[in-house]
C-alpha atoms as a PDB file:
ATOM      1  CA  MET A   1      76.006  34.463  39.460  1.00  0.00           C
ATOM      2  CA  ASP A   2      77.409  31.735  41.677  1.00  0.00           C
ATOM      3  CA  GLU A   3      74.122  29.840  41.431  1.00  0.00           C
ATOM      4  CA  LEU A   4      74.200  30.105  37.644  1.00  0.00           C
ATOM      5  CA  LEU A   5      77.767  28.798  37.507  1.00  0.00           C
ATOM      6  CA  ASP A   6      76.826  25.925  39.811  1.00  0.00           C
ATOM      7  CA  GLY A   7      74.043  25.104  37.365  1.00  0.00           C
ATOM      8  CA  TYR A   8      76.466  25.252  34.450  1.00  0.00           C
ATOM      9  CA  ARG A   9      78.767  22.796  36.212  1.00  0.00           C
ATOM     10  CA  ARG A  10      75.848  20.408  36.762  1.00  0.00           C
ATOM     11  CA  PHE A  11      75.017  20.763  33.073  1.00  0.00           C
ATOM     12  CA  ARG A  12      78.575  19.893  32.062  1.00  0.00           C
ATOM     13  CA  THR A  13      78.605  16.916  34.440  1.00  0.00           C
ATOM     14  CA  THR A  14      75.201  15.419  33.622  1.00  0.00           C
ATOM     15  CA  SER A  15      73.319  16.898  30.659  1.00  0.00           C
ATOM     16  CA  TRP A  16      76.272  17.590  28.363  1.00  0.00           C
ATOM     17  CA  PRO A  17      77.623  14.018  28.279  1.00  0.00           C
ATOM     18  CA  GLU A  18      74.098  12.714  27.632  1.00  0.00           C
ATOM     19  CA  ARG A  19      73.446  15.193  24.812  1.00  0.00           C
ATOM     20  CA  ARG A  20      76.920  15.754  23.432  1.00  0.00           C
ATOM     21  CA  GLU A  21      76.143  13.909  20.216  1.00  0.00           C
ATOM     22  CA  LEU A  22      73.020  16.042  19.690  1.00  0.00           C
ATOM     23  CA  PHE A  23      74.898  19.303  20.234  1.00  0.00           C
ATOM     24  CA  GLU A  24      77.680  18.208  17.898  1.00  0.00           C
ATOM     25  CA  LYS A  25      75.087  17.380  15.233  1.00  0.00           C
ATOM     26  CA  LEU A  26      73.386  20.769  15.717  1.00  0.00           C
ATOM     27  CA  ALA A  27      76.753  22.506  15.471  1.00  0.00           C
ATOM     28  CA  ALA A  28      77.728  20.651  12.301  1.00  0.00           C
ATOM     29  CA  LYS A  29      74.410  20.712  10.443  1.00  0.00           C
ATOM     30  CA  GLY A  30      72.782  23.845  11.889  1.00  0.00           C
ATOM     31  CA  GLN A  31      69.407  24.241  13.489  1.00  0.00           C
ATOM     32  CA  LYS A  32      66.110  23.209  11.926  1.00  0.00           C
ATOM     33  CA  PRO A  33      63.444  23.867  14.578  1.00  0.00           C
ATOM     34  CA  HIS A  34      59.919  22.826  13.686  1.00  0.00           C
ATOM     35  CA  THR A  35      58.174  25.470  15.798  1.00  0.00           C
ATOM     36  CA  LEU A  36      58.457  29.135  16.676  1.00  0.00           C
ATOM     37  CA  ILE A  37      57.244  29.888  20.204  1.00  0.00           C
ATOM     38  CA  ILE A  38      56.303  33.452  21.097  1.00  0.00           C
ATOM     39  CA  ALA A  39      56.161  33.519  24.881  1.00  0.00           C
ATOM     40  CA  CYS A  40      56.312  35.953  27.767  1.00  0.00           C
ATOM     41  CA  SER A  41      59.614  36.842  29.411  1.00  0.00           C
ATOM     42  CA  ASP A  42      58.144  35.771  32.769  1.00  0.00           C
ATOM     43  CA  SER A  43      60.674  33.606  34.616  1.00  0.00           C
ATOM     44  CA  ARG A  44      57.967  31.099  35.571  1.00  0.00           C
ATOM     45  CA  VAL A  45      57.086  30.238  31.974  1.00  0.00           C
ATOM     46  CA  ASP A  46      59.799  28.188  30.269  1.00  0.00           C
ATOM     47  CA  PRO A  47      58.613  26.869  26.875  1.00  0.00           C
ATOM     48  CA  SER A  48      61.299  24.177  26.666  1.00  0.00           C
ATOM     49  CA  MET A  49      60.273  22.841  30.067  1.00  0.00           C
ATOM     50  CA  ILE A  50      56.529  23.078  29.406  1.00  0.00           C
ATOM     51  CA  PHE A  51      56.799  21.204  26.106  1.00  0.00           C
ATOM     52  CA  ASP A  52      59.644  18.941  27.268  1.00  0.00           C
ATOM     53  CA  VAL A  53      61.717  19.356  24.123  1.00  0.00           C
ATOM     54  CA  ALA A  54      65.364  18.863  23.270  1.00  0.00           C
ATOM     55  CA  PRO A  55      67.744  21.589  22.027  1.00  0.00           C
ATOM     56  CA  GLY A  56      67.147  22.378  18.373  1.00  0.00           C
ATOM     57  CA  GLU A  57      63.377  21.802  18.366  1.00  0.00           C
ATOM     58  CA  LEU A  58      62.082  25.275  19.242  1.00  0.00           C
ATOM     59  CA  PHE A  59      62.963  28.775  18.115  1.00  0.00           C
ATOM     60  CA  VAL A  60      61.847  30.931  21.037  1.00  0.00           C
ATOM     61  CA  VAL A  61      60.999  34.630  21.137  1.00  0.00           C
ATOM     62  CA  ARG A  62      60.189  36.056  24.560  1.00  0.00           C
ATOM     63  CA  ASN A  63      58.991  39.524  25.453  1.00  0.00           C
ATOM     64  CA  VAL A  64      56.681  41.197  27.942  1.00  0.00           C
ATOM     65  CA  ALA A  65      53.156  39.744  27.621  1.00  0.00           C
ATOM     66  CA  ASN A  66      54.004  37.567  24.564  1.00  0.00           C
ATOM     67  CA  LEU A  67      53.014  40.372  22.208  1.00  0.00           C
ATOM     68  CA  VAL A  68      53.433  40.530  18.452  1.00  0.00           C
ATOM     69  CA  PRO A  69      53.231  44.053  17.008  1.00  0.00           C
ATOM     70  CA  PRO A  70      51.354  44.500  13.739  1.00  0.00           C
ATOM     71  CA  TYR A  71      53.431  44.496  10.578  1.00  0.00           C
ATOM     72  CA  THR A  72      54.861  47.839   9.514  1.00  0.00           C
ATOM     73  CA  ALA A  73      56.817  48.666   6.388  1.00  0.00           C
ATOM     74  CA  PRO A  74      60.547  48.078   6.903  1.00  0.00           C
ATOM     75  CA  ASP A  75      62.384  51.109   8.292  1.00  0.00           C
ATOM     76  CA  HIS A  76      65.531  51.798  10.296  1.00  0.00           C
ATOM     77  CA  ALA A  77      63.907  51.451  13.725  1.00  0.00           C
ATOM     78  CA  HIS A  78      64.557  48.504  16.018  1.00  0.00           C
ATOM     79  CA  HIS A  79      62.021  45.671  15.646  1.00  0.00           C
ATOM     80  CA  GLY A  80      63.367  42.819  17.758  1.00  0.00           C
ATOM     81  CA  THR A  81      60.261  40.641  17.837  1.00  0.00           C
ATOM     82  CA  SER A  82      59.469  41.196  14.168  1.00  0.00           C
ATOM     83  CA  ALA A  83      63.075  40.381  13.190  1.00  0.00           C
ATOM     84  CA  ALA A  84      62.952  37.118  15.131  1.00  0.00           C
ATOM     85  CA  ILE A  85      59.650  36.159  13.502  1.00  0.00           C
ATOM     86  CA  GLU A  86      61.085  36.938  10.081  1.00  0.00           C
ATOM     87  CA  PHE A  87      64.144  34.783  10.736  1.00  0.00           C
ATOM     88  CA  ALA A  88      62.085  31.856  12.025  1.00  0.00           C
ATOM     89  CA  VAL A  89      59.526  31.954   9.209  1.00  0.00           C
ATOM     90  CA  ARG A  90      61.570  32.989   6.174  1.00  0.00           C
ATOM     91  CA  VAL A  91      64.994  31.525   6.967  1.00  0.00           C
ATOM     92  CA  LEU A  92      64.374  28.563   9.265  1.00  0.00           C
ATOM     93  CA  GLU A  93      60.992  27.847   7.623  1.00  0.00           C
ATOM     94  CA  VAL A  94      59.242  26.651  10.764  1.00  0.00           C
ATOM     95  CA  ALA A  95      55.987  24.780  10.205  1.00  0.00           C
ATOM     96  CA  ASN A  96      54.235  26.009  13.348  1.00  0.00           C
ATOM     97  CA  VAL A  97      53.970  29.199  15.377  1.00  0.00           C
ATOM     98  CA  VAL A  98      52.662  28.992  18.940  1.00  0.00           C
ATOM     99  CA  VAL A  99      51.703  32.106  20.882  1.00  0.00           C
ATOM    100  CA  LEU A 100      52.007  31.073  24.534  1.00  0.00           C
ATOM    101  CA  GLY A 101      50.230  33.257  27.070  1.00  0.00           C
ATOM    102  CA  HIS A 102      50.094  32.588  30.781  1.00  0.00           C
ATOM    103  CA  ALA A 103      48.327  33.306  34.048  1.00  0.00           C
ATOM    104  CA  LEU A 104      49.490  36.049  36.429  1.00  0.00           C
ATOM    105  CA  CYS A 105      51.055  38.032  33.586  1.00  0.00           C
ATOM    106  CA  GLY A 106      52.715  41.226  34.791  1.00  0.00           C
ATOM    107  CA  GLY A 107      52.453  42.762  31.346  1.00  0.00           C
ATOM    108  CA  ALA A 108      48.686  42.282  31.313  1.00  0.00           C
ATOM    109  CA  ARG A 109      48.518  43.794  34.774  1.00  0.00           C
ATOM    110  CA  ALA A 110      50.547  46.803  33.619  1.00  0.00           C
ATOM    111  CA  LEU A 111      48.125  47.290  30.748  1.00  0.00           C
ATOM    112  CA  LEU A 112      45.128  47.259  33.084  1.00  0.00           C
ATOM    113  CA  GLU A 113      46.564  49.120  36.055  1.00  0.00           C
ATOM    114  CA  GLY A 114      49.424  51.112  34.559  1.00  0.00           C
ATOM    115  CA  ALA A 115      53.107  50.279  34.442  1.00  0.00           C
ATOM    116  CA  PRO A 116      55.064  50.433  37.724  1.00  0.00           C
ATOM    117  CA  PRO A 117      56.506  53.906  38.379  1.00  0.00           C
ATOM    118  CA  GLN A 118      60.062  52.592  38.043  1.00  0.00           C
ATOM    119  CA  ALA A 119      59.358  51.161  34.549  1.00  0.00           C
ATOM    120  CA  GLN A 120      58.134  54.112  32.513  1.00  0.00           C
ATOM    121  CA  ASP A 121      60.724  54.403  29.732  1.00  0.00           C
ATOM    122  CA  PHE A 122      59.620  51.570  27.453  1.00  0.00           C
ATOM    123  CA  LEU A 123      57.022  49.358  29.134  1.00  0.00           C
ATOM    124  CA  PRO A 124      53.932  51.596  28.771  1.00  0.00           C
ATOM    125  CA  ASP A 125      54.335  52.010  25.014  1.00  0.00           C
ATOM    126  CA  TRP A 126      55.112  48.314  24.541  1.00  0.00           C
ATOM    127  CA  VAL A 127      51.993  46.999  26.267  1.00  0.00           C
ATOM    128  CA  LYS A 128      49.848  49.506  24.369  1.00  0.00           C
ATOM    129  CA  ILE A 129      50.195  47.082  21.468  1.00  0.00           C
ATOM    130  CA  ALA A 130      47.408  45.190  23.257  1.00  0.00           C
ATOM    131  CA  ASP A 131      45.184  48.190  23.965  1.00  0.00           C
ATOM    132  CA  SER A 132      42.304  46.756  21.934  1.00  0.00           C
ATOM    133  CA  ALA A 133      42.551  43.544  23.979  1.00  0.00           C
ATOM    134  CA  ARG A 134      42.383  45.612  27.178  1.00  0.00           C
ATOM    135  CA  ILE A 135      39.228  47.374  25.988  1.00  0.00           C
ATOM    136  CA  ALA A 136      37.625  44.032  25.146  1.00  0.00           C
ATOM    137  CA  ALA A 137      38.520  42.602  28.577  1.00  0.00           C
ATOM    138  CA  GLU A 138      37.157  45.638  30.385  1.00  0.00           C
ATOM    139  CA  HIS A 139      33.852  45.263  28.551  1.00  0.00           C
ATOM    140  CA  LEU A 140      33.600  41.574  29.401  1.00  0.00           C
ATOM    141  CA  SER A 141      34.137  41.728  33.160  1.00  0.00           C
ATOM    142  CA  ALA A 142      34.185  44.169  36.066  1.00  0.00           C
ATOM    143  CA  ASP A 143      35.980  41.745  38.394  1.00  0.00           C
ATOM    144  CA  PRO A 144      39.720  42.629  38.465  1.00  0.00           C
ATOM    145  CA  GLU A 145      41.042  39.050  38.547  1.00  0.00           C
ATOM    146  CA  GLU A 146      38.649  37.751  35.937  1.00  0.00           C
ATOM    147  CA  ARG A 147      39.368  40.766  33.752  1.00  0.00           C
ATOM    148  CA  ARG A 148      43.104  40.091  33.885  1.00  0.00           C
ATOM    149  CA  THR A 149      42.585  36.451  32.924  1.00  0.00           C
ATOM    150  CA  ILE A 150      40.388  37.514  30.020  1.00  0.00           C
ATOM    151  CA  LEU A 151      43.065  39.983  28.933  1.00  0.00           C
ATOM    152  CA  GLU A 152      45.734  37.267  29.078  1.00  0.00           C
ATOM    153  CA  TYR A 153      43.610  35.160  26.723  1.00  0.00           C
ATOM    154  CA  GLN A 154      42.915  38.170  24.509  1.00  0.00           C
ATOM    155  CA  CYS A 155      46.630  38.947  24.215  1.00  0.00           C
ATOM    156  CA  VAL A 156      47.176  35.507  22.688  1.00  0.00           C
ATOM    157  CA  LYS A 157      44.416  36.105  20.145  1.00  0.00           C
ATOM    158  CA  LEU A 158      45.677  39.606  19.356  1.00  0.00           C
ATOM    159  CA  SER A 159      49.218  38.385  18.728  1.00  0.00           C
ATOM    160  CA  MET A 160      47.897  35.677  16.427  1.00  0.00           C
ATOM    161  CA  ALA A 161      45.882  38.253  14.496  1.00  0.00           C
ATOM    162  CA  ASN A 162      48.925  40.538  14.257  1.00  0.00           C
ATOM    163  CA  LEU A 163      51.048  37.664  12.970  1.00  0.00           C
ATOM    164  CA  ALA A 164      48.689  37.360  10.025  1.00  0.00           C
ATOM    165  CA  THR A 165      49.428  40.992   9.062  1.00  0.00           C
ATOM    166  CA  PHE A 166      52.999  40.013   8.092  1.00  0.00           C
ATOM    167  CA  PRO A 167      52.753  39.341   4.341  1.00  0.00           C
ATOM    168  CA  TRP A 168      55.135  36.386   4.346  1.00  0.00           C
ATOM    169  CA  VAL A 169      53.310  34.851   7.322  1.00  0.00           C
ATOM    170  CA  ARG A 170      49.936  35.319   5.644  1.00  0.00           C
ATOM    171  CA  GLU A 171      51.227  33.782   2.418  1.00  0.00           C
ATOM    172  CA  ARG A 172      52.377  30.658   4.246  1.00  0.00           C
ATOM    173  CA  LEU A 173      49.138  30.395   6.214  1.00  0.00           C
ATOM    174  CA  GLU A 174      47.153  30.520   2.991  1.00  0.00           C
ATOM    175  CA  ASP A 175      49.176  27.845   1.213  1.00  0.00           C
ATOM    176  CA  GLY A 176      49.403  25.560   4.246  1.00  0.00           C
ATOM    177  CA  ARG A 177      53.123  25.809   4.913  1.00  0.00           C
ATOM    178  CA  LEU A 178      52.501  27.409   8.312  1.00  0.00           C
ATOM    179  CA  VAL A 179      49.960  26.851  11.099  1.00  0.00           C
ATOM    180  CA  LEU A 180      49.246  29.218  14.000  1.00  0.00           C
ATOM    181  CA  HIS A 181      48.367  27.918  17.463  1.00  0.00           C
ATOM    182  CA  GLY A 182      47.290  29.688  20.642  1.00  0.00           C
ATOM    183  CA  ALA A 183      48.112  28.320  24.091  1.00  0.00           C
ATOM    184  CA  TYR A 184      47.872  29.415  27.723  1.00  0.00           C
ATOM    185  CA  PHE A 185      49.818  28.116  30.725  1.00  0.00           C
ATOM    186  CA  ALA A 186      48.476  28.209  34.285  1.00  0.00           C
ATOM    187  CA  VAL A 187      51.513  28.748  36.488  1.00  0.00           C
ATOM    188  CA  ALA A 188      49.937  27.520  39.738  1.00  0.00           C
ATOM    189  CA  THR A 189      48.560  24.253  38.324  1.00  0.00           C
ATOM    190  CA  GLY A 190      50.863  23.494  35.399  1.00  0.00           C
ATOM    191  CA  VAL A 191      47.865  23.041  33.097  1.00  0.00           C
ATOM    192  CA  LEU A 192      48.268  23.991  29.446  1.00  0.00           C
ATOM    193  CA  GLU A 193      45.217  25.154  27.515  1.00  0.00           C
ATOM    194  CA  ARG A 194      44.854  25.430  23.736  1.00  0.00           C
ATOM    195  CA  LEU A 195      42.848  27.908  21.740  1.00  0.00           C
ATOM    196  CA  ARG A 196      39.999  26.002  20.104  1.00  0.00           C
ATOM    197  CA  PRO A 197      38.317  26.764  16.769  1.00  0.00           C
ATOM    198  CA  ASP A 198      35.329  28.311  18.582  1.00  0.00           C
ATOM    199  CA  GLY A 199      37.598  30.940  20.188  1.00  0.00           C
ATOM    200  CA  THR A 200      37.603  29.436  23.689  1.00  0.00           C
ATOM    201  CA  PHE A 201      40.513  27.902  25.564  1.00  0.00           C
ATOM    202  CA  GLY A 202      40.433  24.360  26.923  1.00  0.00           C
ATOM    203  CA  PRO A 203      42.853  21.790  28.370  1.00  0.00           C
ATOM    204  CA  ALA A 204      45.364  20.489  25.841  1.00  0.00           C
END
């Protein structure tokens, strides 16, 4: 906690004075981000840093393995990711949604190898959202490292496909108000790849 408070003090000394006017504007007029980012919770993957954006530009949802569950009829269960997507798309009216996967994803590893024994309450069921992606990756490669990379790519594609099952997302995709993008960040090299129309990933 001391390190976090030291960081806060640096923020107040340097960043806050530089961006005070921006924060005051955001407080007075509200947020109007142009893009929803669905990213992994991994501490090494910070969307604001990767895309070098200012406060107010991105609405960010982070969870294990950057997964989007398929749409289900509204009920009284807890749907954190779906609620955030609904708010970004229907209330904030973002123009873009980016699903940002990454290398060395622990969620992908848990899907392939099983969740760690100390994380059995919620993690196994969560990553099962991407079970079809796991099956595809296992068919495409027998090499463990290559298979995990393939799965990381497949998780991006799966989440994009699941986004299109939300009726109000699909409606906006069809009339051009919303565009989906897939991206993948290599932690070790800092290289960002984009999903191309042919289904492959290449440098952005």
